[in-house]
Amino acid sequence: MAFFNWGNSLYDRAHLKDSVPKADLLLELAGQKYAEAVRIKPDKHMALFNWGKTLYAQAKLKDSAREADKILELAAQKYAEAMRINPDKNESLKTLAREAESEIWRLNLH
């Protein structure tokens, strides 16, 4: 639970940064904490969900569409794992769909 909460704290701090490199670093660290939470408790679907959310936030910071796509694919994998563990939680599916739609819209503008 400690790594999960640590990840949440880092994720929240990243959104307060006005510097992309600092926000990206905090998001990277948050992802590492979620990974550790999942390693300790593999059925912690919320750690996977938040890890996906963190990856999505990182993808939005990238200038390269190729790099963003790779990160978005990882985010989708985390959401899928969260849904596999707890299929009754529709939040993962709704968030994945909403974020994918948003990212497709953003990439089409560039």
Foldseek 3Di string as FASTA:
>chain_A
DVLLVQLVVLQVVLVVDPDLVSSLVSLVSSLVSLVVVCVVPVLPLVSLLVNLVSLLVNLVSDPDPVVSVVSNVSSLVSLVSSCVSPVVPCPSVVVNVVSVVVVVVVVVVD
